[in-house]
Amino acid sequence: MKSETARMTLTATDVLPEDGTRGTLVGRVWLPQVNGPAVVAVRSDGVFDVTARFPTISALCEEADPAKAVRETKGERIGDLEAIAANTPPDQRDRQKPWLLAPVDLQTLKAAGVTFAISMLERVIEEKAKGNPASAEAIRKEVTRLIGDDLSKLKPGSDQAMRLKQVLIEQNAWSQYLEVGIGPDAEVFTKAPVLSSVGAGMDAGLHPKSTWNNPEPELVLFVSSRGKIVGGALGNDVNLRDFEGRSALLLSKAKDNNASCAIGPLLRLFDDTFSLDDARRLDITLNVKGQDGFVLNGHSSISKISRDPTDLVAQTIGTVHQYPDGFVLFLGTMFAPVEDRDAPGQGFTHKHDDIVTIAAPELGKLTNRMRTSDECEPWSFGIGALMKNLAQRRLL
């Protein structure tokens, strides 16, 4: 039975980092008067439309110095962040006024998996449980006995990792998830179609047939077509543990559903206030509040990632694969939800109207309400619609 509808609110304080507008912040806003999106710069004196200079976020990321380019572009003020943020949640929206969108457009949506030791162990457990949460606890104990619970110092692809692989094969404990977790090749997959992401303040989607699922709080890197990392945002790589646990071949169904890719609230470009090294030190927090009174807290520390972000980017783009419009890359998470929500041994799974907040002081808060994918706003504005709209506005 569905709970009473939860109201979601979004404020400027939620959207902004703790240092406010000190950094170079950009995003996308839907402008009803042109029936299309605008690329915006978020500044202390308001939100400014800079689409005349940068028709897309993708084009902005192709600049030699994106942060400098934004600072040098005045733009046209379209309003204040407080009002635009407040107008973003779907059931509170005045469609005659602007609202926030996900800060990504033409970039391919990529994700790296099994990049933290603890999440790697949970993927192994999912696989061996065949998508059944009731079996997970016993398997967790056995896998931990065989493998241990601290693989954070094990370098993927190293001689030590390959020796461990051989031992586990001999004990019949090897897994495809261990292969990408400690082997030489990272798991990098396409998360969702271009332009399908939802932003802060929007509903995020779960497949209606899923009964075991969880949020995945992650750092999302923005990468140009040249492979240059230009900034970052927060992301929720919504995951269906039951689907992927039944078979890795169901990864696309586990990951790619309407509204299942959340990115936001803004893109913070690298400048003298925020760098790649700062991103490497990010501590990302997670809070889930259910209408049943359940509260779940978690975190993910990028400093504990098994593969450096530059390595993951290098394994995504190069001579064997190009991205002419750039890409964004979810870096994976160390968060592994094992806390029981209902019956003992059943673990965590979402319920209708859960409010999920993923936050980092440097990047603000990405807040979404969880619904089934068929209940979320249908995705209707694709690449063709964007090109037609920009052409009509003479921005191409």
Protein backbone atom coordinates (compact mmCIF):
# COMPACT_ATOMS: atom_id res chain seq x y z
CA MET A 1 0.00 0.00 0.00
CA LYS A 2 1.33 3.43 -0.91
CA SER A 3 1.93 5.93 1.86
CA GLU A 4 0.50 9.43 1.97
CA THR A 5 2.22 11.55 -0.64
CA ALA A 6 5.42 13.17 0.62
CA ARG A 7 6.02 16.79 -0.24
CA MET A 8 9.43 17.68 -1.56
CA THR A 9 10.90 21.16 -1.18
CA LEU A 10 13.99 22.71 -2.73
CA THR A 11 15.68 25.92 -1.60
CA ALA A 12 18.68 27.93 -2.71
CA THR A 13 20.50 26.70 0.41
CA ASP A 14 19.97 23.11 -0.74
CA VAL A 15 21.28 23.84 -4.21
CA LEU A 16 24.37 25.84 -3.30
CA PRO A 17 27.64 24.50 -1.85
CA GLU A 18 28.57 25.58 1.66
CA ASP A 19 30.76 28.36 0.24
CA GLY A 20 27.80 29.73 -1.70
CA THR A 21 28.58 31.23 -5.08
CA ARG A 22 32.32 31.51 -4.46
CA GLY A 23 33.00 28.83 -7.07
CA THR A 24 32.01 28.68 -10.74
CA LEU A 25 28.53 27.16 -10.76
CA VAL A 26 26.51 26.36 -13.85
CA GLY A 27 23.32 24.49 -14.53
CA ARG A 28 20.30 24.19 -16.77
CA VAL A 29 16.91 25.82 -16.34
CA TRP A 30 13.70 25.24 -18.27
CA LEU A 31 12.41 28.52 -19.72
CA PRO A 32 8.67 28.31 -20.45
CA GLN A 33 8.76 31.42 -22.65
CA VAL A 34 10.98 29.63 -25.19
CA ASN A 35 9.68 26.13 -24.40
CA GLY A 36 13.24 24.90 -23.93
CA PRO A 37 16.32 24.77 -21.71
CA ALA A 38 18.87 27.46 -20.92
CA VAL A 39 22.47 27.05 -19.80
CA VAL A 40 22.81 29.26 -16.73
CA ALA A 41 25.50 30.68 -14.47
CA VAL A 42 24.51 30.84 -10.80
CA ARG A 43 25.97 33.93 -9.14
CA SER A 44 25.50 35.94 -5.97
CA ASP A 45 23.17 38.37 -7.74
CA GLY A 46 21.01 35.81 -9.50
CA VAL A 47 20.73 33.19 -12.23
CA PHE A 48 21.99 34.29 -15.63
CA ASP A 49 21.16 32.79 -19.03
CA VAL A 50 24.44 32.26 -20.93
CA THR A 51 22.97 30.09 -23.71
CA ALA A 52 23.82 32.69 -26.37
CA ARG A 53 27.49 31.92 -25.70
CA PHE A 54 27.15 28.23 -24.73
CA PRO A 55 24.13 26.57 -26.41
CA THR A 56 24.74 23.43 -24.33
CA ILE A 57 26.61 22.35 -21.21
CA SER A 58 28.52 20.05 -23.55
CA ALA A 59 29.72 23.04 -25.59
CA LEU A 60 30.76 24.84 -22.42
CA CYS A 61 32.84 21.86 -21.30
CA GLU A 62 34.71 21.99 -24.62
CA GLU A 63 36.13 25.43 -23.81
CA ALA A 64 39.87 25.57 -23.10
CA ASP A 65 39.05 26.95 -19.64
CA PRO A 66 35.32 26.51 -18.97
CA ALA A 67 35.33 28.36 -15.63
CA LYS A 68 37.09 31.38 -17.11
CA ALA A 69 34.72 31.38 -20.09
CA VAL A 70 31.70 31.49 -17.76
CA ARG A 71 33.17 34.29 -15.65
CA GLU A 72 33.80 36.36 -18.79
CA THR A 73 30.20 35.91 -20.03
CA LYS A 74 27.69 38.31 -18.50
CA GLY A 75 24.47 36.71 -19.71
CA GLU A 76 20.88 37.79 -19.10
CA ARG A 77 19.43 37.61 -15.61
CA ILE A 78 16.35 35.33 -15.54
CA GLY A 79 15.58 35.37 -11.82
CA ASP A 80 16.81 34.47 -8.37
CA LEU A 81 17.85 30.96 -7.39
CA GLU A 82 15.43 30.74 -4.45
CA ALA A 83 12.36 31.16 -6.67
CA ILE A 84 13.63 28.87 -9.43
CA ALA A 85 14.56 26.13 -6.94
CA ALA A 86 11.20 26.36 -5.16
CA ASN A 87 9.41 25.96 -8.49
CA THR A 88 11.26 22.74 -9.39
CA PRO A 89 9.41 19.88 -7.57
CA PRO A 90 6.85 18.51 -10.08
CA ASP A 91 3.78 18.67 -7.85
CA GLN A 92 4.50 22.28 -6.79
CA ARG A 93 5.50 23.64 -10.18
CA ASP A 94 4.04 26.64 -11.92
CA ARG A 95 4.77 25.74 -15.53
CA GLN A 96 4.70 29.40 -16.53
CA LYS A 97 7.85 30.00 -14.47
CA PRO A 98 11.43 28.61 -14.77
CA TRP A 99 12.59 25.46 -12.96
CA LEU A 100 15.87 23.58 -12.56
CA LEU A 101 16.95 20.69 -14.75
CA ALA A 102 19.83 18.24 -14.48
CA PRO A 103 23.08 20.11 -15.36
CA VAL A 104 23.97 17.81 -18.27
CA ASP A 105 22.73 17.61 -21.84
CA LEU A 106 24.54 16.11 -24.85
CA GLN A 107 27.20 14.24 -22.87
CA THR A 108 27.00 10.45 -22.82
CA LEU A 109 25.98 9.17 -19.38
CA LYS A 110 28.61 6.64 -18.23
CA ALA A 111 29.12 4.91 -14.89
CA ALA A 112 31.92 2.95 -13.28
CA GLY A 113 30.99 0.05 -11.05
CA VAL A 114 32.70 -1.96 -8.32
CA THR A 115 35.24 0.79 -7.61
CA PHE A 116 35.22 0.45 -3.81
CA ALA A 117 36.11 -2.70 -1.85
CA ILE A 118 32.96 -2.74 0.30
CA SER A 119 30.61 -2.27 -2.65
CA MET A 120 32.53 -4.97 -4.52
CA LEU A 121 31.78 -7.44 -1.73
CA GLU A 122 28.09 -6.50 -1.85
CA ARG A 123 27.99 -7.14 -5.61
CA VAL A 124 29.46 -10.61 -4.99
CA ILE A 125 26.81 -11.21 -2.35
CA GLU A 126 24.03 -10.09 -4.72
CA GLU A 127 25.30 -12.47 -7.38
CA LYS A 128 25.47 -15.45 -5.02
CA ALA A 129 22.08 -14.61 -3.48
CA LYS A 130 20.54 -14.60 -6.98
CA GLY A 131 18.62 -11.44 -6.16
CA ASN A 132 17.07 -12.84 -2.96
CA PRO A 133 17.68 -10.52 0.04
CA ALA A 134 16.72 -13.26 2.51
CA SER A 135 19.85 -15.21 1.51
CA ALA A 136 22.21 -12.27 1.66
CA GLU A 137 23.24 -12.28 5.33
CA ALA A 138 24.47 -15.88 5.41
CA ILE A 139 26.31 -15.40 2.14
CA ARG A 140 27.81 -12.13 3.43
CA LYS A 141 29.40 -13.96 6.33
CA GLU A 142 30.83 -16.70 4.10
CA VAL A 143 32.20 -14.29 1.47
CA THR A 144 33.79 -12.15 4.17
CA ARG A 145 35.37 -15.26 5.69
CA LEU A 146 36.93 -16.20 2.36
CA ILE A 147 37.88 -12.78 1.05
CA GLY A 148 38.10 -10.54 4.11
CA ASP A 149 36.42 -7.20 4.58
CA ASP A 150 39.28 -4.81 3.81
CA LEU A 151 40.58 -4.84 0.25
CA SER A 152 41.13 -1.08 0.17
CA LYS A 153 44.92 -1.41 -0.07
CA LEU A 154 44.79 -3.96 -2.88
CA LYS A 155 45.70 -2.30 -6.18
CA PRO A 156 43.54 -3.59 -9.06
CA GLY A 157 45.57 -5.50 -11.62
CA SER A 158 48.63 -5.86 -9.35
CA ASP A 159 50.57 -9.10 -8.84
CA GLN A 160 49.08 -9.32 -5.34
CA ALA A 161 45.55 -8.99 -6.76
CA MET A 162 46.23 -11.71 -9.34
CA ARG A 163 47.55 -14.06 -6.63
CA LEU A 164 44.36 -13.47 -4.63
CA LYS A 165 42.33 -14.20 -7.76
CA GLN A 166 44.02 -17.57 -8.17
CA VAL A 167 43.40 -18.51 -4.53
CA LEU A 168 39.72 -17.61 -4.82
CA ILE A 169 39.33 -19.55 -8.05
CA GLU A 170 40.77 -22.61 -6.32
CA GLN A 171 38.25 -22.15 -3.48
CA ASN A 172 35.38 -21.74 -5.95
CA ALA A 173 34.82 -18.22 -4.62
CA TRP A 174 35.69 -16.21 -7.72
CA SER A 175 33.12 -13.80 -9.15
CA GLN A 176 32.70 -11.57 -12.19
CA TYR A 177 32.46 -8.66 -9.75
CA LEU A 178 35.83 -9.49 -8.27
CA GLU A 179 37.17 -9.56 -11.82
CA VAL A 180 36.33 -5.90 -12.37
CA GLY A 181 36.99 -4.97 -8.75
CA ILE A 182 40.59 -6.18 -8.50
CA GLY A 183 41.39 -7.13 -12.10
CA PRO A 184 43.14 -4.84 -14.61
CA ASP A 185 39.97 -3.70 -16.41
CA ALA A 186 37.41 -1.42 -14.80
CA GLU A 187 33.68 -1.85 -15.26
CA VAL A 188 32.42 1.15 -17.22
CA PHE A 189 28.91 1.01 -18.65
CA THR A 190 26.39 3.36 -20.22
CA LYS A 191 23.98 4.37 -17.47
CA ALA A 192 21.15 5.96 -19.45
CA PRO A 193 20.35 7.71 -22.74
CA VAL A 194 21.58 11.23 -23.45
CA LEU A 195 19.30 13.92 -21.95
CA SER A 196 17.33 11.46 -19.78
CA SER A 197 18.72 12.55 -16.38
CA VAL A 198 16.58 14.14 -13.70
CA GLY A 199 17.88 16.90 -11.47
CA ALA A 200 17.52 18.02 -7.86
CA GLY A 201 13.96 18.36 -6.61
CA MET A 202 12.56 15.87 -9.11
CA ASP A 203 11.15 12.37 -8.72
CA ALA A 204 13.62 9.54 -9.30
CA GLY A 205 12.48 6.22 -10.69
CA LEU A 206 12.55 2.55 -9.68
CA HIS A 207 11.34 -0.28 -11.91
CA PRO A 208 7.86 -1.20 -10.62
CA LYS A 209 8.77 -4.92 -10.48
CA SER A 210 11.81 -4.39 -8.26
CA THR A 211 11.55 -5.45 -4.61
CA TRP A 212 15.22 -5.03 -3.58
CA ASN A 213 16.87 -1.75 -4.55
CA ASN A 214 18.91 1.12 -3.16
CA PRO A 215 20.35 4.59 -3.83
CA GLU A 216 23.99 4.95 -4.83
CA PRO A 217 25.54 8.29 -3.75
CA GLU A 218 28.32 9.17 -6.18
CA LEU A 219 30.58 11.86 -7.56
CA VAL A 220 29.92 12.56 -11.23
CA LEU A 221 32.84 13.88 -13.28
CA PHE A 222 32.25 16.04 -16.37
CA VAL A 223 34.75 15.20 -19.12
CA SER A 224 35.36 16.94 -22.45
CA SER A 225 35.77 15.18 -25.80
CA ARG A 226 39.53 15.50 -25.28
CA GLY A 227 39.36 13.53 -22.04
CA LYS A 228 39.88 16.58 -19.83
CA ILE A 229 38.02 16.52 -16.48
CA VAL A 230 36.47 19.96 -16.09
CA GLY A 231 34.23 19.71 -13.03
CA GLY A 232 31.87 17.64 -10.94
CA ALA A 233 28.37 17.19 -9.57
CA LEU A 234 26.54 14.75 -7.34
CA GLY A 235 24.73 11.71 -8.67
CA ASN A 236 22.37 8.92 -7.67
CA ASP A 237 23.06 5.81 -9.76
CA VAL A 238 19.79 4.18 -8.70
CA ASN A 239 20.32 0.42 -8.48
CA LEU A 240 18.03 -2.61 -8.56
CA ARG A 241 19.82 -5.26 -6.49
CA ASP A 242 17.32 -8.00 -7.33
CA PHE A 243 17.55 -7.57 -11.12
CA GLU A 244 21.34 -7.37 -11.29
CA GLY A 245 21.72 -10.11 -8.69
CA ARG A 246 19.69 -12.54 -10.80
CA SER A 247 22.02 -11.99 -13.74
CA ALA A 248 24.68 -9.49 -14.74
CA LEU A 249 23.04 -9.56 -18.19
CA LEU A 250 20.14 -7.67 -16.60
CA LEU A 251 22.42 -4.71 -15.85
CA SER A 252 20.64 -2.47 -18.35
CA LYS A 253 17.25 -3.21 -16.79
CA ALA A 254 18.73 -2.74 -13.31
CA LYS A 255 20.24 0.63 -14.19
CA ASP A 256 18.34 2.22 -17.08
CA ASN A 257 14.73 3.08 -16.36
CA ASN A 258 12.75 6.29 -16.63
CA ALA A 259 14.12 8.85 -14.11
CA SER A 260 16.68 6.37 -12.72
CA CYS A 261 19.66 8.67 -13.36
CA ALA A 262 19.80 11.71 -11.06
CA ILE A 263 22.53 14.37 -11.39
CA GLY A 264 22.81 17.75 -9.71
CA PRO A 265 22.06 20.12 -8.27
CA LEU A 266 24.64 22.14 -10.26
CA LEU A 267 27.91 21.53 -12.08
CA ARG A 268 30.85 23.03 -10.23
CA LEU A 269 33.63 23.75 -12.70
CA PHE A 270 37.27 23.41 -11.70
CA ASP A 271 38.87 26.73 -10.80
CA ASP A 272 40.99 28.12 -7.98
CA THR A 273 38.23 27.26 -5.46
CA PHE A 274 37.63 23.64 -6.48
CA SER A 275 40.06 21.26 -8.20
CA LEU A 276 40.40 17.59 -9.11
CA ASP A 277 42.41 17.09 -5.92
CA ASP A 278 39.50 18.57 -3.96
CA ALA A 279 37.18 16.14 -5.75
CA ARG A 280 39.45 13.23 -4.78
CA ARG A 281 38.94 14.16 -1.12
CA LEU A 282 35.16 14.51 -1.22
CA ASP A 283 33.05 12.95 1.51
CA ILE A 284 29.56 12.33 0.19
CA THR A 285 26.71 11.73 2.62
CA LEU A 286 23.40 9.97 2.09
CA ASN A 287 20.14 10.37 3.96
CA VAL A 288 16.95 8.44 3.25
CA LYS A 289 13.74 9.42 5.04
CA GLY A 290 10.73 7.17 4.65
CA GLN A 291 7.09 7.95 5.19
CA ASP A 292 7.14 4.97 7.59
CA GLY A 293 9.53 6.85 9.91
CA PHE A 294 12.56 4.89 8.73
CA VAL A 295 15.81 6.84 8.44
CA LEU A 296 18.97 5.57 6.77
CA ASN A 297 22.29 7.42 6.81
CA GLY A 298 25.37 6.49 4.83
CA HIS A 299 28.45 7.96 3.24
CA SER A 300 31.02 7.44 0.52
CA SER A 301 34.58 8.78 0.68
CA ILE A 302 36.21 9.29 -2.70
CA SER A 303 39.63 9.04 -1.00
CA LYS A 304 38.94 5.31 -0.51
CA ILE A 305 38.28 4.54 -4.17
CA SER A 306 40.24 1.60 -5.58
CA ARG A 307 40.95 3.26 -8.93
CA ASP A 308 41.95 6.90 -9.30
CA PRO A 309 39.40 9.04 -11.19
CA THR A 310 41.94 9.75 -13.93
CA ASP A 311 42.42 6.00 -14.44
CA LEU A 312 38.67 5.50 -14.79
CA VAL A 313 38.46 8.34 -17.31
CA ALA A 314 41.41 6.92 -19.25
CA GLN A 315 39.66 3.53 -19.40
CA THR A 316 36.54 5.22 -20.78
CA ILE A 317 37.93 7.47 -23.53
CA GLY A 318 40.90 7.08 -25.88
CA THR A 319 41.89 5.57 -29.19
CA VAL A 320 39.38 2.73 -28.80
CA HIS A 321 36.40 4.95 -27.89
CA GLN A 322 35.65 8.60 -28.55
CA TYR A 323 32.91 10.91 -27.23
CA PRO A 324 32.55 13.92 -29.55
CA ASP A 325 30.14 15.64 -27.14
CA GLY A 326 32.04 14.60 -24.03
CA PHE A 327 30.68 12.43 -21.25
CA VAL A 328 29.90 12.38 -17.56
CA LEU A 329 31.19 9.54 -15.40
CA PHE A 330 29.67 8.24 -12.17
CA LEU A 331 32.63 7.06 -10.07
CA GLY A 332 30.86 4.37 -8.06
CA THR A 333 30.16 4.27 -4.33
CA MET A 334 31.43 2.65 -1.17
CA PHE A 335 27.92 2.80 0.31
CA ALA A 336 26.48 -0.67 0.85
CA PRO A 337 22.99 -0.76 2.44
CA VAL A 338 22.85 -3.74 4.81
CA GLU A 339 20.60 -2.28 7.53
CA ASP A 340 17.27 -4.11 7.86
CA ARG A 341 14.24 -1.96 7.13
CA ASP A 342 11.46 -4.43 7.84
CA ALA A 343 12.04 -8.08 8.75
CA PRO A 344 15.42 -9.25 10.07
CA GLY A 345 17.70 -10.42 7.30
CA GLN A 346 15.73 -8.64 4.58
CA GLY A 347 18.12 -5.68 4.35
CA PHE A 348 17.22 -2.28 2.93
CA THR A 349 14.96 -1.49 0.03
CA HIS A 350 13.15 1.67 -1.01
CA LYS A 351 9.51 2.39 -0.32
CA HIS A 352 7.19 4.71 -2.18
CA ASP A 353 7.90 8.41 -1.52
CA ASP A 354 11.27 7.92 0.20
CA ILE A 355 13.13 11.24 0.20
CA VAL A 356 16.78 10.72 -0.72
CA THR A 357 19.35 13.44 -0.10
CA ILE A 358 22.92 13.06 -1.37
CA ALA A 359 25.19 15.88 -0.23
CA ALA A 360 28.74 17.18 -0.15
CA PRO A 361 29.81 20.56 1.26
CA GLU A 362 31.54 21.45 -2.01
CA LEU A 363 28.61 20.47 -4.28
CA GLY A 364 25.35 21.13 -2.45
CA LYS A 365 22.47 18.66 -2.07
CA LEU A 366 20.85 16.38 -4.61
CA THR A 367 17.38 15.63 -3.25
CA ASN A 368 14.88 13.35 -4.98
CA ARG A 369 11.63 11.60 -4.12
CA MET A 370 11.48 7.93 -5.05
CA ARG A 371 8.61 6.73 -7.21
CA THR A 372 8.18 3.88 -9.64
CA SER A 373 9.44 4.81 -13.09
CA ASP A 374 5.96 4.71 -14.60
CA GLU A 375 4.82 7.31 -12.03
CA CYS A 376 7.64 9.77 -12.77
CA GLU A 377 7.34 12.45 -15.40
CA PRO A 378 7.78 10.77 -18.80
CA TRP A 379 10.98 11.66 -20.63
CA SER A 380 9.87 13.50 -23.77
CA PHE A 381 12.55 16.09 -24.60
CA GLY A 382 15.32 14.30 -26.47
CA ILE A 383 18.21 15.24 -28.77
CA GLY A 384 15.97 16.00 -31.75
CA ALA A 385 13.74 18.28 -29.66
CA LEU A 386 16.77 20.10 -28.25
CA MET A 387 18.30 20.71 -31.68
CA LYS A 388 14.98 21.92 -33.09
CA ASN A 389 14.43 24.23 -30.12
CA LEU A 390 17.93 25.73 -30.25
CA ALA A 391 17.62 26.24 -34.02
CA GLN A 392 14.28 28.03 -33.61
CA ARG A 393 15.94 30.32 -31.05
CA ARG A 394 18.82 30.89 -33.52
CA LEU A 395 21.33 29.58 -31.00
CA LEU A 396 22.96 27.09 -33.38
